[in-house]
Amino acid sequence: MTAPALDPRPIRYSGSVPDETGRSRIALISQWTPAVAMMLVSTLSYVDRNTLALLSPTILRETHLSNQQYGYIILAFSIAYMLANPIWGAALDRIGVRAGMSAAVSLWTLASAAHAFASSLASFAVARGVLGFGEGATFPGGLRTVVETLPVKWRSRGIAVAYSGGSFGALITPIVITPVAARWGWQGAFWFTGAIGAAWLAMWAVVSRRKDLSKDLSKDLSRKDLNRKDLSKDPDVVRVPLKVDRSRLAVATHWRGARMWAFIAAYALGAFPSGFVLYQAANYFSAAMQKSQAEIGAVLWIPPLGWEIGYFFWGWVMDRYAGGGASTVAMRRIFAMMMWLSLPLALVARVASFPAALAIMFVAMFIASGFIIGAVAYAASYFDASDSGLIAGVGAGTWSAVVGAAMPLIGRLFDIHRYNTAFEIAALFPVAGYCVWRVLDALTFKTRGTARSCKPM
């Protein structure tokens, strides 16, 4: 008996065949949605904080405040922001991102709208302080969300996405706020920021329904719990071979040591030019180059564009060449290169060309984003994931504190027209950041010997 011949025609199914590509695409979008939501909230936070910086020439003129007083208003924001970052970081690690970010954004949205009623140093400082305290949750929330929802291989790029909203917010603020202020005045611009804050809260109420964004990390098992508890019968535990890097674990368990301070130096000092440009560019162009508010608003998106591009570029660089921040040799070379590229900022006040000044500021903010992404990737590769919110809070908080502490001095220099000195000071901060980071990083592993000088590799 011979076997029946096979029909060469393709088999046709009466039912539908599952589209695996479509499912994987949907899963990928779902996985990245929380990071995108954090990008939007950081965009909102920078629109809220940069509205004052953009409109400062008009506001200072109408309220008769000096540049130095404006510096103190920024300092009020920075102090509150510095204190709030670790507070929100710890709170988000405990209560979850959903509840924490809802509370934080609600608070700063009200504070942003309240700027419309301010008219003096005291009233602006109070409104700015409350805004700063609420916005302290922005970057801890972003890092916490990325750590919870993305795999390790995508984390540097996830951090770049979440953090890029800040640069994007700084970029679109002149484009969006300038026509609003021209139509309804600077007070109307602050009412507008309150409205977009309410819109984000409505969106977040939907996006944050995921279980991994509402969990209380204090209920998670710690490493010690995992070591003590017999998990052999736990069906949710997947047993895989684990290779432990003891030297790195020792550093992670002493997160208050030299490596934490190295991270702070790279972040707070290295990225200082971004804060300097954000807060003082409008005043410089108005006072030194005699540009109008409309002229400033038309081009002030250019420097933050460098910041926005830089987040994605440096996120790719850290993943591609520095092992997500884990390669010390690569990080030394990258940070040294950033340090040298930060120096042209000192030349801005010596350049008579408006486009040339904008181009130098563009480069300065592009490099500053590299210090931020590099510092965060460096820290995230060494410290425990459960501390990620706190680490991000410490980085952003200390950056804000350094920027805020310098602003009254910068404002005074602007008042007496010493612009050269102001820009030279701003350009030296990344040099100090690299040198401090270089020394402290060398101290983290004593097996490498004593710390060498801060000569770039």
Protein backbone atom coordinates (compact mmCIF):
# COMPACT_ATOMS: atom_id res chain seq x y z
CA MET A 1 0.00 0.00 0.00
CA THR A 2 1.49 3.31 -1.07
CA ALA A 3 1.27 6.48 0.99
CA PRO A 4 -1.05 9.21 -0.31
CA ALA A 5 0.68 12.02 -2.18
CA LEU A 6 1.15 15.26 -0.26
CA ASP A 7 -0.82 18.26 -1.48
CA PRO A 8 1.77 20.97 -2.33
CA ARG A 9 -0.78 23.74 -1.96
CA PRO A 10 -0.54 25.87 1.24
CA ILE A 11 -2.90 24.97 4.03
CA ARG A 12 -5.66 27.54 4.50
CA TYR A 13 -7.07 28.10 7.97
CA SER A 14 -10.63 29.15 8.45
CA GLY A 15 -9.74 31.05 11.61
CA SER A 16 -7.42 34.03 12.01
CA VAL A 17 -3.72 33.48 12.69
CA PRO A 18 -2.29 35.44 15.64
CA ASP A 19 -0.09 38.31 14.47
CA GLU A 20 3.01 37.86 16.61
CA THR A 21 4.66 40.93 15.12
CA GLY A 22 1.66 43.05 16.02
CA ARG A 23 1.60 41.67 19.54
CA SER A 24 5.30 42.31 20.06
CA ARG A 25 4.89 45.85 18.77
CA ILE A 26 2.03 46.50 21.17
CA ALA A 27 4.05 45.00 24.03
CA LEU A 28 7.00 47.22 23.16
CA ILE A 29 4.83 50.33 23.08
CA SER A 30 3.28 49.37 26.39
CA GLN A 31 6.70 48.82 27.91
CA TRP A 32 7.94 52.26 26.84
CA THR A 33 4.73 54.20 27.65
CA PRO A 34 5.68 54.95 31.30
CA ALA A 35 9.08 56.33 30.23
CA VAL A 36 7.32 58.55 27.69
CA ALA A 37 4.92 59.73 30.40
CA MET A 38 7.94 60.70 32.50
CA MET A 39 9.34 62.56 29.50
CA LEU A 40 6.10 64.54 29.31
CA VAL A 41 6.10 65.39 33.01
CA SER A 42 9.70 66.56 32.86
CA THR A 43 8.68 68.63 29.83
CA LEU A 44 5.90 70.15 31.93
CA SER A 45 8.27 70.86 34.81
CA TYR A 46 10.71 72.74 32.59
CA VAL A 47 7.96 74.73 30.89
CA ASP A 48 6.78 75.76 34.35
CA ARG A 49 10.22 76.74 35.63
CA ASN A 50 11.48 78.30 32.38
CA THR A 51 8.46 80.53 31.87
CA LEU A 52 9.91 82.87 34.50
CA ALA A 53 13.38 82.71 32.92
CA LEU A 54 12.03 83.43 29.43
CA LEU A 55 9.87 86.35 30.54
CA SER A 56 12.36 87.69 33.09
CA PRO A 57 13.28 90.78 31.04
CA THR A 58 9.61 91.83 30.95
CA ILE A 59 8.85 90.77 34.53
CA LEU A 60 11.91 92.50 35.99
CA ARG A 61 11.08 95.67 34.11
CA GLU A 62 7.43 95.74 35.20
CA THR A 63 8.07 94.74 38.84
CA HIS A 64 11.26 96.84 39.19
CA LEU A 65 13.30 93.88 40.44
CA SER A 66 17.07 93.70 39.86
CA ASN A 67 19.02 90.81 38.37
CA GLN A 68 20.42 90.05 41.82
CA GLN A 69 16.90 89.86 43.28
CA TYR A 70 15.98 87.59 40.37
CA GLY A 71 18.94 85.45 41.45
CA TYR A 72 17.50 85.19 44.94
CA ILE A 73 14.14 84.11 43.49
CA ILE A 74 15.95 81.33 41.63
CA LEU A 75 17.79 80.47 44.85
CA ALA A 76 14.44 80.03 46.65
CA PHE A 77 13.40 77.55 43.97
CA SER A 78 16.75 75.77 44.11
CA ILE A 79 16.79 75.35 47.90
CA ALA A 80 13.29 73.89 47.88
CA TYR A 81 14.13 71.71 44.88
CA MET A 82 17.32 70.46 46.54
CA LEU A 83 15.51 69.52 49.75
CA ALA A 84 12.59 67.97 47.90
CA ASN A 85 14.55 65.72 45.53
CA PRO A 86 15.78 63.19 48.11
CA ILE A 87 12.48 63.48 50.01
CA TRP A 88 10.46 62.66 46.92
CA GLY A 89 13.02 60.07 45.88
CA ALA A 90 12.60 58.17 49.14
CA ALA A 91 8.82 58.65 49.05
CA LEU A 92 8.53 57.31 45.50
CA ASP A 93 10.64 54.29 46.40
CA ARG A 94 8.18 53.62 49.23
CA ILE A 95 4.68 54.60 48.05
CA GLY A 96 5.13 54.01 44.33
CA VAL A 97 5.32 56.32 41.35
CA ARG A 98 1.58 56.55 40.72
CA ALA A 99 0.55 58.19 43.98
CA GLY A 100 3.78 60.10 44.43
CA MET A 101 3.79 61.78 41.03
CA SER A 102 0.10 62.61 41.27
CA ALA A 103 0.69 64.48 44.52
CA ALA A 104 3.84 66.22 43.31
CA VAL A 105 2.41 67.46 40.00
CA SER A 106 -0.78 68.67 41.69
CA LEU A 107 1.29 70.74 44.11
CA TRP A 108 3.56 72.34 41.55
CA THR A 109 0.70 73.02 39.12
CA LEU A 110 -1.03 75.16 41.74
CA ALA A 111 2.25 76.91 42.54
CA SER A 112 2.93 77.65 38.88
CA ALA A 113 -0.47 79.26 38.41
CA ALA A 114 0.08 81.27 41.62
CA HIS A 115 2.97 83.15 39.94
CA ALA A 116 0.29 85.19 38.17
CA PHE A 117 -0.48 86.91 41.49
CA ALA A 118 3.17 87.67 42.42
CA SER A 119 4.56 91.19 42.25
CA SER A 120 7.45 91.38 44.74
CA LEU A 121 10.60 89.54 45.72
CA ALA A 122 8.81 87.83 48.62
CA SER A 123 5.74 86.71 46.67
CA PHE A 124 7.79 85.39 43.75
CA ALA A 125 10.12 83.61 46.15
CA VAL A 126 7.24 81.86 47.95
CA ALA A 127 5.57 80.76 44.71
CA ARG A 128 8.94 79.67 43.36
CA GLY A 129 9.78 77.73 46.51
CA VAL A 130 6.54 75.73 46.41
CA LEU A 131 7.07 75.09 42.70
CA GLY A 132 10.58 73.83 43.41
CA PHE A 133 9.41 71.51 46.15
CA GLY A 134 6.79 69.91 43.91
CA GLU A 135 9.15 69.60 40.94
CA GLY A 136 11.64 67.77 43.14
CA ALA A 137 9.79 64.57 42.23
CA THR A 138 10.44 64.89 38.48
CA PHE A 139 13.73 63.08 37.99
CA PRO A 140 13.44 60.63 40.90
CA GLY A 141 10.10 59.64 39.37
CA GLY A 142 11.66 59.30 35.93
CA LEU A 143 14.51 57.07 37.08
CA ARG A 144 12.24 55.04 39.36
CA THR A 145 9.87 54.42 36.46
CA VAL A 146 12.63 53.39 34.05
CA VAL A 147 14.15 50.97 36.57
CA GLU A 148 10.78 49.36 37.23
CA THR A 149 9.52 49.06 33.66
CA LEU A 150 12.53 48.59 31.35
CA PRO A 151 15.17 45.83 31.17
CA VAL A 152 18.80 46.62 31.97
CA LYS A 153 19.87 46.68 28.31
CA TRP A 154 17.52 49.62 27.64
CA ARG A 155 17.96 51.57 30.85
CA SER A 156 20.46 54.18 29.66
CA ARG A 157 18.23 54.95 26.70
CA GLY A 158 15.18 54.86 28.96
CA ILE A 159 16.85 57.36 31.29
CA ALA A 160 17.64 59.51 28.26
CA VAL A 161 13.98 59.42 27.16
CA ALA A 162 12.63 60.23 30.63
CA TYR A 163 15.17 62.99 31.26
CA SER A 164 14.97 64.45 27.74
CA GLY A 165 11.61 65.99 28.58
CA GLY A 166 13.45 68.61 30.59
CA SER A 167 15.49 69.73 27.62
CA PHE A 168 12.43 69.45 25.36
CA GLY A 169 10.45 71.60 27.79
CA ALA A 170 13.19 74.21 27.76
CA LEU A 171 13.17 74.00 23.96
CA ILE A 172 9.42 74.52 23.47
CA THR A 173 8.92 77.11 26.23
CA PRO A 174 9.93 80.07 24.01
CA ILE A 175 7.86 78.71 21.12
CA VAL A 176 4.71 78.16 23.20
CA ILE A 177 4.91 80.79 25.93
CA THR A 178 6.01 83.81 23.86
CA PRO A 179 2.73 84.09 21.87
CA VAL A 180 0.68 83.36 25.00
CA ALA A 181 2.43 86.17 26.88
CA ALA A 182 2.09 88.50 23.89
CA ARG A 183 -1.69 87.88 23.87
CA TRP A 184 -2.53 87.68 27.58
CA GLY A 185 0.53 89.13 29.33
CA TRP A 186 3.05 87.38 31.55
CA GLN A 187 0.33 86.64 34.12
CA GLY A 188 -1.68 84.78 31.49
CA ALA A 189 1.38 82.70 30.66
CA PHE A 190 1.41 81.32 34.20
CA TRP A 191 -2.31 80.52 34.04
CA PHE A 192 -1.54 78.57 30.89
CA THR A 193 1.12 76.48 32.67
CA GLY A 194 -1.45 75.57 35.31
CA ALA A 195 -3.83 74.35 32.61
CA ILE A 196 -1.31 72.03 30.95
CA GLY A 197 -0.40 70.64 34.38
CA ALA A 198 -4.03 69.65 34.90
CA ALA A 199 -4.03 67.96 31.48
CA TRP A 200 -1.00 65.84 32.39
CA LEU A 201 -2.65 64.74 35.64
CA ALA A 202 -5.67 63.49 33.69
CA MET A 203 -3.41 61.49 31.37
CA TRP A 204 -1.38 60.08 34.29
CA ALA A 205 -4.53 58.79 35.97
CA VAL A 206 -4.91 56.42 33.00
CA VAL A 207 -1.28 55.53 32.27
CA SER A 208 -0.33 54.79 35.88
CA ARG A 209 -2.87 52.01 36.43
CA ARG A 210 -0.10 49.46 35.83
CA LYS A 211 0.74 47.36 38.87
CA ASP A 212 4.47 47.96 38.58
CA LEU A 213 3.95 51.72 39.02
CA SER A 214 1.88 51.52 42.17
CA LYS A 215 3.81 49.01 44.23
CA ASP A 216 5.24 49.81 47.64
CA LEU A 217 8.92 48.92 47.52
CA SER A 218 9.10 48.71 51.30
CA LYS A 219 7.16 45.46 50.98
CA ASP A 220 9.63 43.96 48.51
CA LEU A 221 12.06 41.33 49.67
CA SER A 222 15.52 42.70 50.28
CA ARG A 223 18.68 40.79 49.43
CA LYS A 224 18.93 39.69 53.05
CA ASP A 225 15.37 38.41 52.96
CA LEU A 226 16.16 36.43 49.83
CA ASN A 227 19.19 34.90 51.52
CA ARG A 228 17.27 33.93 54.65
CA LYS A 229 14.05 32.67 53.11
CA ASP A 230 13.68 29.24 51.54
CA LEU A 231 12.31 30.04 48.09
CA SER A 232 12.66 26.55 46.67
CA LYS A 233 8.88 26.05 46.68
CA ASP A 234 7.99 29.52 45.44
CA PRO A 235 6.56 29.12 41.90
CA ASP A 236 7.26 32.78 41.09
CA VAL A 237 11.00 32.46 41.63
CA VAL A 238 13.10 31.60 38.60
CA ARG A 239 16.40 30.02 39.58
CA VAL A 240 19.25 31.00 37.29
CA PRO A 241 23.01 30.90 37.81
CA LEU A 242 24.17 34.20 39.29
CA LYS A 243 27.69 35.57 39.08
CA VAL A 244 28.21 38.18 41.78
CA ASP A 245 30.75 40.99 41.42
CA ARG A 246 31.90 41.25 45.04
CA SER A 247 33.87 44.45 44.58
CA ARG A 248 30.88 46.20 43.02
CA LEU A 249 28.52 44.85 45.69
CA ALA A 250 30.82 46.28 48.36
CA VAL A 251 30.64 49.68 46.73
CA ALA A 252 26.87 49.48 46.36
CA THR A 253 26.35 48.72 50.03
CA HIS A 254 28.36 51.84 50.94
CA TRP A 255 26.44 54.22 48.68
CA ARG A 256 27.21 57.20 50.90
CA GLY A 257 30.92 56.84 50.16
CA ALA A 258 33.27 58.26 47.55
CA ARG A 259 31.35 56.92 44.56
CA MET A 260 28.21 58.81 45.56
CA TRP A 261 30.21 62.03 45.86
CA ALA A 262 31.86 61.31 42.51
CA PHE A 263 28.39 61.03 40.98
CA ILE A 264 27.33 64.31 42.62
CA ALA A 265 30.42 66.13 41.34
CA ALA A 266 29.93 64.96 37.75
CA TYR A 267 26.23 65.83 37.79
CA ALA A 268 26.06 69.06 39.79
CA LEU A 269 29.29 70.69 38.62
CA GLY A 270 29.58 69.19 35.15
CA ALA A 271 26.03 70.16 34.14
CA PHE A 272 26.14 73.65 35.70
CA PRO A 273 26.27 75.43 32.29
CA SER A 274 22.78 74.15 31.46
CA GLY A 275 21.27 75.95 34.45
CA PHE A 276 23.33 79.06 33.76
CA VAL A 277 22.10 79.27 30.16
CA LEU A 278 18.49 78.47 31.06
CA TYR A 279 18.23 81.14 33.73
CA GLN A 280 20.43 83.90 32.35
CA ALA A 281 20.40 83.73 28.54
CA ALA A 282 17.28 85.90 28.19
CA ASN A 283 18.63 88.55 30.56
CA TYR A 284 22.00 88.57 28.78
CA PHE A 285 20.49 89.00 25.33
CA SER A 286 18.16 91.72 26.63
CA ALA A 287 20.77 93.75 28.54
CA ALA A 288 23.99 93.14 26.60
CA MET A 289 22.68 92.73 23.05
CA GLN A 290 19.57 94.95 23.36
CA LYS A 291 17.20 92.29 22.06
CA SER A 292 13.45 92.60 22.62
CA GLN A 293 11.29 90.01 24.37
CA ALA A 294 9.85 88.96 21.01
CA GLU A 295 13.33 88.58 19.45
CA ILE A 296 14.52 86.54 22.43
CA GLY A 297 11.46 84.30 22.35
CA ALA A 298 11.96 83.64 18.65
CA VAL A 299 15.42 82.08 19.10
CA LEU A 300 15.78 80.97 22.72
CA TRP A 301 14.75 77.44 21.76
CA ILE A 302 18.12 76.96 20.05
CA PRO A 303 20.36 76.33 23.11
CA PRO A 304 17.91 73.80 24.66
CA LEU A 305 17.83 71.98 21.32
CA GLY A 306 21.43 71.03 22.02
CA TRP A 307 20.33 69.72 25.40
CA GLU A 308 17.56 67.66 23.81
CA ILE A 309 19.80 66.16 21.12
CA GLY A 310 22.49 65.53 23.70
CA TYR A 311 20.29 63.36 25.92
CA PHE A 312 19.69 60.85 23.15
CA PHE A 313 23.22 61.05 21.75
CA TRP A 314 24.93 60.58 25.12
CA GLY A 315 22.48 57.84 26.12
CA TRP A 316 23.55 55.94 23.01
CA VAL A 317 27.24 56.64 23.73
CA MET A 318 26.96 55.33 27.31
CA ASP A 319 25.27 52.11 26.16
CA ARG A 320 27.56 51.61 23.17
CA TYR A 321 30.98 52.56 24.51
CA ALA A 322 30.78 52.69 28.31
CA GLY A 323 28.74 49.59 29.17
CA GLY A 324 25.86 51.71 30.45
CA GLY A 325 28.26 53.64 32.69
CA ALA A 326 30.02 50.59 34.14
CA SER A 327 33.30 50.96 32.24
CA THR A 328 35.51 53.24 34.34
CA VAL A 329 38.16 53.68 31.64
CA ALA A 330 35.56 54.70 29.05
CA MET A 331 33.83 57.05 31.49
CA ARG A 332 37.14 58.81 32.22
CA ARG A 333 37.75 59.44 28.54
CA ILE A 334 34.20 60.57 27.85
CA PHE A 335 34.06 62.95 30.83
CA ALA A 336 37.49 64.39 29.93
CA MET A 337 36.31 65.11 26.39
CA MET A 338 33.17 66.80 27.76
CA MET A 339 35.28 68.96 30.06
CA TRP A 340 37.36 70.35 27.18
CA LEU A 341 34.28 70.95 25.03
CA SER A 342 32.66 72.99 27.84
CA LEU A 343 35.35 75.69 27.79
CA PRO A 344 34.13 77.74 24.77
CA LEU A 345 31.21 78.97 26.92
CA ALA A 346 33.70 81.44 28.44
CA LEU A 347 33.87 83.25 25.09
CA VAL A 348 30.18 84.17 24.73
CA ALA A 349 30.51 87.70 26.14
CA ARG A 350 33.44 88.33 23.78
CA VAL A 351 31.38 87.45 20.72
CA ALA A 352 29.48 90.32 19.13
CA SER A 353 27.40 88.07 16.87
CA PHE A 354 23.97 87.04 18.14
CA PRO A 355 23.96 83.76 16.12
CA ALA A 356 27.49 82.90 17.31
CA ALA A 357 26.49 83.39 20.95
CA LEU A 358 23.48 81.12 20.44
CA ALA A 359 25.69 78.49 18.79
CA ILE A 360 28.13 78.44 21.72
CA MET A 361 25.23 78.11 24.17
CA PHE A 362 23.86 75.27 22.03
CA VAL A 363 27.15 73.38 22.37
CA ALA A 364 27.36 74.11 26.10
CA MET A 365 23.94 72.59 26.73
CA PHE A 366 24.70 69.63 24.46
CA ILE A 367 27.75 68.84 26.61
CA ALA A 368 25.88 69.47 29.87
CA SER A 369 23.35 66.79 28.95
CA GLY A 370 26.26 64.38 28.55
CA PHE A 371 27.40 65.05 32.11
CA ILE A 372 23.86 64.37 33.37
CA ILE A 373 23.33 61.14 31.41
CA GLY A 374 26.88 59.99 32.12
CA ALA A 375 26.63 60.65 35.84
CA VAL A 376 23.25 58.93 36.18
CA ALA A 377 24.35 55.92 34.09
CA TYR A 378 27.55 55.72 36.16
CA ALA A 379 25.55 55.66 39.40
CA ALA A 380 22.84 53.32 38.12
CA SER A 381 25.45 50.75 37.10
CA TYR A 382 26.86 50.51 40.62
CA PHE A 383 24.06 51.19 43.09
CA ASP A 384 21.13 48.97 43.95
CA ALA A 385 17.98 49.49 41.90
CA SER A 386 15.92 50.03 45.07
CA ASP A 387 17.88 53.26 45.67
CA SER A 388 17.38 54.63 42.17
CA GLY A 389 14.78 57.24 43.11
CA LEU A 390 16.92 58.55 45.93
CA ILE A 391 20.05 58.63 43.75
CA ALA A 392 18.28 60.62 41.04
CA GLY A 393 16.93 62.96 43.69
CA VAL A 394 20.37 63.58 45.13
CA GLY A 395 21.82 64.30 41.69
CA ALA A 396 19.11 66.69 40.54
CA GLY A 397 18.87 68.29 43.97
CA THR A 398 22.56 69.05 44.29
CA TRP A 399 22.65 70.38 40.71
CA SER A 400 19.80 72.73 41.54
CA ALA A 401 21.53 73.80 44.76
CA VAL A 402 24.80 74.60 42.99
CA VAL A 403 23.01 76.53 40.25
CA GLY A 404 20.81 78.39 42.73
CA ALA A 405 23.70 79.31 45.02
CA ALA A 406 25.56 80.84 42.08
CA MET A 407 22.64 82.83 40.67
CA PRO A 408 22.73 85.83 43.07
CA LEU A 409 26.42 86.27 42.26
CA ILE A 410 25.76 85.89 38.53
CA GLY A 411 22.87 88.35 38.83
CA ARG A 412 25.11 90.87 40.59
CA LEU A 413 27.72 90.52 37.83
CA PHE A 414 24.99 91.14 35.27
CA ASP A 415 23.81 94.21 37.17
CA ILE A 416 27.30 95.74 36.95
CA HIS A 417 27.75 94.50 33.35
CA ARG A 418 30.62 92.11 34.08
CA TYR A 419 29.38 89.53 31.60
CA ASN A 420 32.84 88.19 30.75
CA THR A 421 33.43 87.18 34.36
CA ALA A 422 30.02 85.51 34.60
CA PHE A 423 30.57 83.34 31.53
CA GLU A 424 34.12 82.45 32.56
CA ILE A 425 32.86 81.23 35.95
CA ALA A 426 30.18 79.12 34.26
CA ALA A 427 32.74 77.50 31.93
CA LEU A 428 35.00 76.48 34.84
CA PHE A 429 32.36 74.44 36.66
CA PRO A 430 32.69 71.37 34.37
CA VAL A 431 36.47 71.47 34.83
CA ALA A 432 35.99 71.31 38.60
CA GLY A 433 33.38 68.57 38.17
CA TYR A 434 35.67 66.37 36.11
CA CYS A 435 38.64 66.80 38.46
CA VAL A 436 36.61 65.99 41.58
CA TRP A 437 34.93 63.02 39.88
CA ARG A 438 38.27 61.71 38.63
CA VAL A 439 39.87 61.77 42.07
CA LEU A 440 36.89 60.30 43.93
CA ASP A 441 36.34 57.55 41.35
CA ALA A 442 39.98 56.51 41.73
CA LEU A 443 39.48 56.30 45.50
CA THR A 444 36.55 53.89 45.31
CA PHE A 445 38.76 50.86 44.71
CA LYS A 446 41.89 50.94 46.81
CA THR A 447 43.33 48.08 44.79
CA ARG A 448 43.98 50.57 42.05
CA GLY A 449 46.39 52.50 44.25
CA THR A 450 46.27 56.08 45.34
CA ALA A 451 44.33 58.63 43.34
CA ARG A 452 46.22 60.25 40.54
CA SER A 453 45.97 63.85 39.47
CA CYS A 454 43.01 65.03 37.46
CA LYS A 455 44.95 65.01 34.22
CA PRO A 456 42.54 63.80 31.51
CA MET A 457 43.23 60.50 29.81
